[in-house]
Amino acid sequence: MSQKFTITDFLNRFPNSDSCLEEIKRLRWGDSHICPKCERSSNFYKVKGRTAYACQFCGHHLYPLAGTIFDKTSTPLTSWFYAIYLMAQTRSGISAKQLQRELGVTYKTAWRMFKQIRLLLSDDGDINNLQGTIEVG
């Protein structure tokens, strides 16, 4: 049986936006990544003041947020991660209005975040669809 992920665990694991960005990078590309420019296995380092990582050899930039729900957002990543945590942990669900109160953002921002996260957490993805002959015994 898995251990419950508490709010204390969450705050220890994601204390700031840099730790959230590092988690997104790790989930997208793993611990090391081959640079698309110089084609060498590189440990990309964080570019100061940006949401980008640079190749240790050629300096090519990678943007972990590109193509995700976090792309071009002005809302801090810690707020996004906390919203995901709340929506995933709450048994009976949470409203956009409650997200607004918890995060201290406008209702419009909370509603947009709520909608994006709900799409990620939904079970409508193709990965869950069964195909072929299915037998139940």
N, C-alpha and C. Protein backbone atom coordinates (compact mmCIF):
# COMPACT_ATOMS: atom_id res chain seq x y z
N MET A 1 0.84 -1.17 0.00
CA MET A 1 0.00 0.00 0.00
C MET A 1 0.89 1.25 0.00
N SER A 2 0.54 2.24 -0.81
CA SER A 2 1.36 3.44 -0.91
C SER A 2 1.09 4.39 0.24
N GLN A 3 2.13 5.14 0.59
CA GLN A 3 2.01 6.10 1.67
C GLN A 3 1.36 7.37 1.13
N LYS A 4 0.53 8.01 1.96
CA LYS A 4 -0.19 9.21 1.55
C LYS A 4 0.78 10.39 1.41
N PHE A 5 0.58 11.18 0.37
CA PHE A 5 1.39 12.37 0.10
C PHE A 5 0.71 13.55 0.78
N THR A 6 1.25 13.98 1.90
CA THR A 6 0.63 15.02 2.71
C THR A 6 1.04 16.42 2.25
N ILE A 7 0.38 17.43 2.80
CA ILE A 7 0.72 18.81 2.47
C ILE A 7 2.15 19.13 2.91
N THR A 8 2.60 18.55 4.01
CA THR A 8 3.98 18.75 4.46
C THR A 8 4.95 18.16 3.45
N ASP A 9 4.65 16.97 2.94
CA ASP A 9 5.48 16.35 1.90
C ASP A 9 5.53 17.24 0.66
N PHE A 10 4.35 17.76 0.29
CA PHE A 10 4.25 18.63 -0.88
C PHE A 10 5.13 19.88 -0.72
N LEU A 11 5.01 20.55 0.44
CA LEU A 11 5.77 21.78 0.67
C LEU A 11 7.28 21.53 0.75
N ASN A 12 7.67 20.37 1.26
CA ASN A 12 9.10 20.01 1.31
C ASN A 12 9.64 19.71 -0.08
N ARG A 13 8.83 19.07 -0.92
CA ARG A 13 9.29 18.68 -2.25
C ARG A 13 9.28 19.85 -3.24
N PHE A 14 8.31 20.76 -3.09
CA PHE A 14 8.18 21.88 -4.02
C PHE A 14 8.14 23.22 -3.27
N PRO A 15 9.26 23.63 -2.66
CA PRO A 15 9.27 24.86 -1.88
C PRO A 15 9.28 26.14 -2.72
N ASN A 16 9.69 26.05 -4.00
CA ASN A 16 9.78 27.24 -4.84
C ASN A 16 9.57 26.86 -6.31
N SER A 17 9.50 27.89 -7.16
CA SER A 17 9.25 27.66 -8.58
C SER A 17 10.39 26.90 -9.26
N ASP A 18 11.62 27.11 -8.79
CA ASP A 18 12.76 26.39 -9.39
C ASP A 18 12.65 24.88 -9.19
N SER A 19 12.17 24.46 -8.01
CA SER A 19 12.01 23.02 -7.78
C SER A 19 10.88 22.45 -8.64
N CYS A 20 9.85 23.25 -8.88
CA CYS A 20 8.76 22.82 -9.77
C CYS A 20 9.26 22.69 -11.20
N LEU A 21 10.04 23.68 -11.64
CA LEU A 21 10.60 23.64 -13.00
C LEU A 21 11.53 22.45 -13.17
N GLU A 22 12.33 22.17 -12.16
CA GLU A 22 13.24 21.02 -12.21
C GLU A 22 12.45 19.71 -12.33
N GLU A 23 11.33 19.61 -11.62
CA GLU A 23 10.49 18.41 -11.71
C GLU A 23 9.90 18.25 -13.11
N ILE A 24 9.45 19.34 -13.70
CA ILE A 24 8.91 19.28 -15.07
C ILE A 24 10.00 18.84 -16.04
N LYS A 25 11.20 19.40 -15.89
CA LYS A 25 12.33 19.00 -16.75
C LYS A 25 12.64 17.52 -16.60
N ARG A 26 12.67 17.06 -15.35
CA ARG A 26 12.98 15.65 -15.09
C ARG A 26 11.90 14.74 -15.68
N LEU A 27 10.64 15.11 -15.56
CA LEU A 27 9.56 14.30 -16.09
C LEU A 27 9.57 14.27 -17.62
N ARG A 28 9.94 15.36 -18.25
CA ARG A 28 9.95 15.42 -19.71
C ARG A 28 11.15 14.74 -20.33
N TRP A 29 12.35 14.92 -19.72
CA TRP A 29 13.57 14.46 -20.37
C TRP A 29 14.45 13.55 -19.53
N GLY A 30 14.09 13.27 -18.31
CA GLY A 30 14.93 12.43 -17.47
C GLY A 30 16.08 13.22 -16.88
N ASP A 31 17.03 12.52 -16.29
CA ASP A 31 18.14 13.19 -15.61
C ASP A 31 19.19 13.73 -16.57
N SER A 32 19.38 13.07 -17.69
CA SER A 32 20.29 13.61 -18.70
C SER A 32 19.57 13.57 -20.04
N HIS A 33 19.98 14.44 -20.90
CA HIS A 33 19.28 14.59 -22.17
C HIS A 33 20.30 14.84 -23.27
N ILE A 34 20.02 14.36 -24.46
CA ILE A 34 20.90 14.61 -25.60
C ILE A 34 20.51 15.96 -26.21
N CYS A 35 21.49 16.81 -26.34
CA CYS A 35 21.27 18.15 -26.88
C CYS A 35 20.88 18.03 -28.36
N PRO A 36 19.77 18.68 -28.77
CA PRO A 36 19.37 18.60 -30.17
C PRO A 36 20.32 19.35 -31.11
N LYS A 37 21.12 20.26 -30.58
CA LYS A 37 22.03 21.03 -31.43
C LYS A 37 23.39 20.34 -31.61
N CYS A 38 24.07 20.03 -30.50
CA CYS A 38 25.41 19.42 -30.61
C CYS A 38 25.38 17.89 -30.52
N GLU A 39 24.20 17.33 -30.23
CA GLU A 39 23.97 15.89 -30.18
C GLU A 39 24.87 15.17 -29.18
N ARG A 40 25.19 15.84 -28.07
CA ARG A 40 25.98 15.23 -27.00
C ARG A 40 25.08 15.06 -25.79
N SER A 41 25.36 14.02 -25.01
CA SER A 41 24.64 13.83 -23.76
C SER A 41 25.10 14.89 -22.78
N SER A 42 24.17 15.71 -22.32
CA SER A 42 24.53 16.87 -21.52
C SER A 42 23.69 16.95 -20.26
N ASN A 43 24.29 17.46 -19.20
CA ASN A 43 23.54 17.82 -18.02
C ASN A 43 23.21 19.30 -18.15
N PHE A 44 21.99 19.60 -18.53
CA PHE A 44 21.58 20.97 -18.76
C PHE A 44 21.53 21.72 -17.43
N TYR A 45 21.97 22.97 -17.43
CA TYR A 45 21.93 23.78 -16.22
C TYR A 45 20.90 24.89 -16.37
N LYS A 46 20.36 25.32 -15.26
CA LYS A 46 19.31 26.35 -15.23
C LYS A 46 19.88 27.69 -15.64
N VAL A 47 19.17 28.38 -16.53
CA VAL A 47 19.53 29.73 -16.94
C VAL A 47 18.92 30.69 -15.92
N LYS A 48 19.75 31.50 -15.31
CA LYS A 48 19.31 32.40 -14.24
C LYS A 48 18.26 33.39 -14.76
N GLY A 49 17.16 33.49 -14.01
CA GLY A 49 16.12 34.45 -14.33
C GLY A 49 15.17 34.03 -15.45
N ARG A 50 15.30 32.80 -15.95
CA ARG A 50 14.44 32.32 -17.04
C ARG A 50 13.94 30.92 -16.73
N THR A 51 12.92 30.51 -17.44
CA THR A 51 12.41 29.14 -17.30
C THR A 51 13.03 28.28 -18.40
N ALA A 52 14.35 28.29 -18.47
CA ALA A 52 15.08 27.57 -19.51
C ALA A 52 16.30 26.90 -18.91
N TYR A 53 16.77 25.89 -19.64
CA TYR A 53 18.00 25.19 -19.30
C TYR A 53 18.92 25.26 -20.51
N ALA A 54 20.23 25.33 -20.26
CA ALA A 54 21.21 25.44 -21.34
C ALA A 54 22.13 24.23 -21.35
N CYS A 55 22.53 23.81 -22.54
CA CYS A 55 23.47 22.70 -22.71
C CYS A 55 24.82 23.10 -22.13
N GLN A 56 25.45 22.18 -21.43
CA GLN A 56 26.74 22.48 -20.81
C GLN A 56 27.85 22.62 -21.85
N PHE A 57 27.64 22.12 -23.07
CA PHE A 57 28.66 22.17 -24.10
C PHE A 57 28.47 23.33 -25.07
N CYS A 58 27.28 23.44 -25.67
CA CYS A 58 27.08 24.46 -26.71
C CYS A 58 26.19 25.62 -26.27
N GLY A 59 25.52 25.48 -25.13
CA GLY A 59 24.68 26.57 -24.63
C GLY A 59 23.28 26.61 -25.22
N HIS A 60 22.91 25.61 -26.02
CA HIS A 60 21.56 25.56 -26.59
C HIS A 60 20.52 25.51 -25.47
N HIS A 61 19.44 26.28 -25.62
CA HIS A 61 18.42 26.37 -24.58
C HIS A 61 17.27 25.40 -24.82
N LEU A 62 16.82 24.79 -23.73
CA LEU A 62 15.60 23.97 -23.72
C LEU A 62 14.60 24.63 -22.80
N TYR A 63 13.33 24.58 -23.18
CA TYR A 63 12.27 25.20 -22.42
C TYR A 63 11.28 24.12 -21.98
N PRO A 64 11.37 23.66 -20.73
CA PRO A 64 10.51 22.58 -20.26
C PRO A 64 9.02 22.91 -20.26
N LEU A 65 8.65 24.18 -20.17
CA LEU A 65 7.24 24.55 -20.10
C LEU A 65 6.58 24.62 -21.47
N ALA A 66 7.37 24.66 -22.54
CA ALA A 66 6.83 24.76 -23.90
C ALA A 66 5.95 23.56 -24.22
N GLY A 67 4.77 23.82 -24.71
CA GLY A 67 3.85 22.76 -25.10
C GLY A 67 3.11 22.13 -23.93
N THR A 68 3.15 22.74 -22.76
CA THR A 68 2.43 22.23 -21.59
C THR A 68 1.38 23.24 -21.15
N ILE A 69 0.62 22.91 -20.13
CA ILE A 69 -0.38 23.84 -19.62
C ILE A 69 0.28 25.04 -18.94
N PHE A 70 1.56 24.95 -18.65
CA PHE A 70 2.28 26.03 -18.00
C PHE A 70 2.89 27.01 -18.99
N ASP A 71 2.82 26.72 -20.28
CA ASP A 71 3.44 27.55 -21.30
C ASP A 71 2.85 28.96 -21.28
N LYS A 72 3.71 29.96 -21.24
CA LYS A 72 3.35 31.37 -21.29
C LYS A 72 2.44 31.82 -20.15
N THR A 73 2.50 31.15 -19.02
CA THR A 73 1.70 31.56 -17.88
C THR A 73 2.47 32.56 -17.03
N SER A 74 1.74 33.50 -16.45
CA SER A 74 2.38 34.45 -15.52
C SER A 74 2.12 34.03 -14.08
N THR A 75 1.32 32.99 -13.89
CA THR A 75 1.05 32.44 -12.56
C THR A 75 2.25 31.61 -12.12
N PRO A 76 2.72 31.80 -10.89
CA PRO A 76 3.89 31.03 -10.42
C PRO A 76 3.65 29.51 -10.49
N LEU A 77 4.72 28.78 -10.79
CA LEU A 77 4.61 27.32 -10.87
C LEU A 77 4.19 26.71 -9.54
N THR A 78 4.58 27.33 -8.43
CA THR A 78 4.17 26.81 -7.12
C THR A 78 2.66 26.84 -6.98
N SER A 79 2.02 27.87 -7.52
CA SER A 79 0.55 27.95 -7.48
C SER A 79 -0.07 26.87 -8.34
N TRP A 80 0.50 26.64 -9.52
CA TRP A 80 0.01 25.58 -10.39
C TRP A 80 0.14 24.21 -9.72
N PHE A 81 1.30 23.94 -9.14
CA PHE A 81 1.52 22.66 -8.49
C PHE A 81 0.59 22.47 -7.29
N TYR A 82 0.37 23.55 -6.53
CA TYR A 82 -0.52 23.46 -5.38
C TYR A 82 -1.96 23.21 -5.85
N ALA A 83 -2.37 23.85 -6.94
CA ALA A 83 -3.71 23.62 -7.48
C ALA A 83 -3.87 22.16 -7.94
N ILE A 84 -2.84 21.61 -8.58
CA ILE A 84 -2.88 20.21 -9.00
C ILE A 84 -2.97 19.31 -7.78
N TYR A 85 -2.19 19.62 -6.75
CA TYR A 85 -2.22 18.85 -5.51
C TYR A 85 -3.63 18.87 -4.91
N LEU A 86 -4.22 20.05 -4.81
CA LEU A 86 -5.57 20.16 -4.23
C LEU A 86 -6.60 19.36 -5.03
N MET A 87 -6.54 19.48 -6.34
CA MET A 87 -7.52 18.79 -7.18
C MET A 87 -7.33 17.28 -7.16
N ALA A 88 -6.09 16.83 -7.02
CA ALA A 88 -5.83 15.39 -7.01
C ALA A 88 -6.13 14.77 -5.64
N GLN A 89 -5.94 15.52 -4.57
CA GLN A 89 -6.09 14.99 -3.22
C GLN A 89 -7.51 15.07 -2.68
N THR A 90 -8.30 16.00 -3.18
CA THR A 90 -9.64 16.20 -2.65
C THR A 90 -10.57 15.12 -3.16
N ARG A 91 -11.17 14.40 -2.24
CA ARG A 91 -12.02 13.28 -2.60
C ARG A 91 -13.28 13.71 -3.33
N SER A 92 -13.93 14.77 -2.84
CA SER A 92 -15.19 15.20 -3.43
C SER A 92 -15.02 16.32 -4.44
N GLY A 93 -13.81 16.67 -4.76
CA GLY A 93 -13.55 17.70 -5.75
C GLY A 93 -13.40 19.08 -5.13
N ILE A 94 -12.99 20.01 -5.93
CA ILE A 94 -12.78 21.38 -5.50
C ILE A 94 -13.28 22.28 -6.61
N SER A 95 -13.83 23.41 -6.26
CA SER A 95 -14.37 24.33 -7.26
C SER A 95 -13.33 25.36 -7.66
N ALA A 96 -13.59 26.04 -8.77
CA ALA A 96 -12.70 27.11 -9.21
C ALA A 96 -12.74 28.25 -8.20
N LYS A 97 -13.89 28.46 -7.58
CA LYS A 97 -14.01 29.51 -6.55
C LYS A 97 -13.13 29.19 -5.35
N GLN A 98 -13.08 27.92 -4.95
CA GLN A 98 -12.21 27.52 -3.84
C GLN A 98 -10.74 27.66 -4.23
N LEU A 99 -10.41 27.34 -5.47
CA LEU A 99 -9.04 27.55 -5.95
C LEU A 99 -8.68 29.03 -5.88
N GLN A 100 -9.61 29.89 -6.25
CA GLN A 100 -9.38 31.33 -6.18
C GLN A 100 -9.02 31.74 -4.76
N ARG A 101 -9.78 31.24 -3.79
CA ARG A 101 -9.53 31.59 -2.39
C ARG A 101 -8.21 31.00 -1.90
N GLU A 102 -7.91 29.77 -2.25
CA GLU A 102 -6.70 29.10 -1.78
C GLU A 102 -5.42 29.71 -2.37
N LEU A 103 -5.48 30.09 -3.65
CA LEU A 103 -4.28 30.57 -4.34
C LEU A 103 -4.13 32.09 -4.30
N GLY A 104 -5.22 32.79 -4.02
CA GLY A 104 -5.16 34.25 -4.02
C GLY A 104 -5.04 34.84 -5.42
N VAL A 105 -5.69 34.21 -6.38
CA VAL A 105 -5.69 34.69 -7.77
C VAL A 105 -7.10 35.14 -8.14
N THR A 106 -7.25 35.75 -9.30
CA THR A 106 -8.58 36.16 -9.75
C THR A 106 -9.41 34.92 -10.11
N TYR A 107 -10.72 35.10 -10.17
CA TYR A 107 -11.58 33.98 -10.52
C TYR A 107 -11.28 33.51 -11.94
N LYS A 108 -11.02 34.44 -12.85
CA LYS A 108 -10.71 34.08 -14.24
C LYS A 108 -9.47 33.18 -14.31
N THR A 109 -8.43 33.53 -13.55
CA THR A 109 -7.21 32.72 -13.52
C THR A 109 -7.49 31.35 -12.90
N ALA A 110 -8.23 31.34 -11.79
CA ALA A 110 -8.55 30.08 -11.11
C ALA A 110 -9.37 29.17 -12.03
N TRP A 111 -10.33 29.74 -12.73
CA TRP A 111 -11.18 28.95 -13.63
C TRP A 111 -10.36 28.35 -14.77
N ARG A 112 -9.44 29.15 -15.35
CA ARG A 112 -8.58 28.65 -16.43
C ARG A 112 -7.68 27.53 -15.94
N MET A 113 -7.08 27.72 -14.77
CA MET A 113 -6.23 26.67 -14.19
C MET A 113 -7.05 25.42 -13.92
N PHE A 114 -8.23 25.59 -13.33
CA PHE A 114 -9.12 24.48 -13.01
C PHE A 114 -9.44 23.68 -14.27
N LYS A 115 -9.79 24.39 -15.34
CA LYS A 115 -10.15 23.74 -16.60
C LYS A 115 -8.96 22.96 -17.18
N GLN A 116 -7.77 23.57 -17.19
CA GLN A 116 -6.58 22.92 -17.73
C GLN A 116 -6.20 21.67 -16.92
N ILE A 117 -6.24 21.80 -15.60
CA ILE A 117 -5.87 20.68 -14.72
C ILE A 117 -6.88 19.55 -14.83
N ARG A 118 -8.16 19.91 -14.91
CA ARG A 118 -9.20 18.87 -15.03
C ARG A 118 -9.02 18.07 -16.31
N LEU A 119 -8.61 18.72 -17.38
CA LEU A 119 -8.34 17.99 -18.63
C LEU A 119 -7.17 17.02 -18.45
N LEU A 120 -6.15 17.42 -17.69
CA LEU A 120 -5.01 16.54 -17.43
C LEU A 120 -5.40 15.34 -16.56
N LEU A 121 -6.26 15.59 -15.57
CA LEU A 121 -6.63 14.54 -14.63
C LEU A 121 -7.78 13.65 -15.12
N SER A 122 -8.39 14.01 -16.24
CA SER A 122 -9.54 13.25 -16.73
C SER A 122 -9.12 11.87 -17.21
N ASP A 123 -10.06 10.97 -17.23
CA ASP A 123 -9.82 9.60 -17.67
C ASP A 123 -10.17 9.41 -19.14
N ASP A 124 -10.33 10.49 -19.88
CA ASP A 124 -10.74 10.39 -21.27
C ASP A 124 -9.60 10.20 -22.25
N GLY A 125 -8.37 10.11 -21.76
CA GLY A 125 -7.22 9.95 -22.64
C GLY A 125 -7.23 8.61 -23.35
N ASP A 126 -6.55 8.55 -24.48
CA ASP A 126 -6.51 7.32 -25.28
C ASP A 126 -5.80 6.17 -24.58
N ILE A 127 -4.97 6.48 -23.60
CA ILE A 127 -4.19 5.44 -22.93
C ILE A 127 -5.07 4.46 -22.15
N ASN A 128 -6.25 4.91 -21.74
CA ASN A 128 -7.13 4.05 -20.96
C ASN A 128 -8.13 3.28 -21.80
N ASN A 129 -8.20 3.55 -23.09
CA ASN A 129 -9.15 2.86 -23.95
C ASN A 129 -8.65 1.45 -24.25
N LEU A 130 -9.54 0.49 -24.06
CA LEU A 130 -9.20 -0.90 -24.37
C LEU A 130 -9.53 -1.17 -25.83
N GLN A 131 -8.70 -1.99 -26.48
CA GLN A 131 -8.92 -2.31 -27.86
C GLN A 131 -8.86 -3.81 -28.05
N GLY A 132 -9.48 -4.28 -29.13
CA GLY A 132 -9.45 -5.70 -29.43
C GLY A 132 -10.51 -6.46 -28.67
N THR A 133 -10.38 -7.78 -28.64
CA THR A 133 -11.34 -8.66 -27.96
C THR A 133 -11.05 -8.67 -26.46
N ILE A 134 -12.10 -8.46 -25.69
CA ILE A 134 -11.95 -8.44 -24.23
C ILE A 134 -12.89 -9.50 -23.65
N GLU A 135 -12.34 -10.38 -22.83
CA GLU A 135 -13.13 -11.42 -22.19
C GLU A 135 -13.19 -11.17 -20.70
N VAL A 136 -14.36 -11.29 -20.14
CA VAL A 136 -14.55 -11.13 -18.71
C VAL A 136 -15.03 -12.45 -18.16
N GLY A 137 -14.32 -12.96 -17.13
CA GLY A 137 -14.66 -14.28 -16.62
C GLY A 137 -15.29 -14.27 -15.28
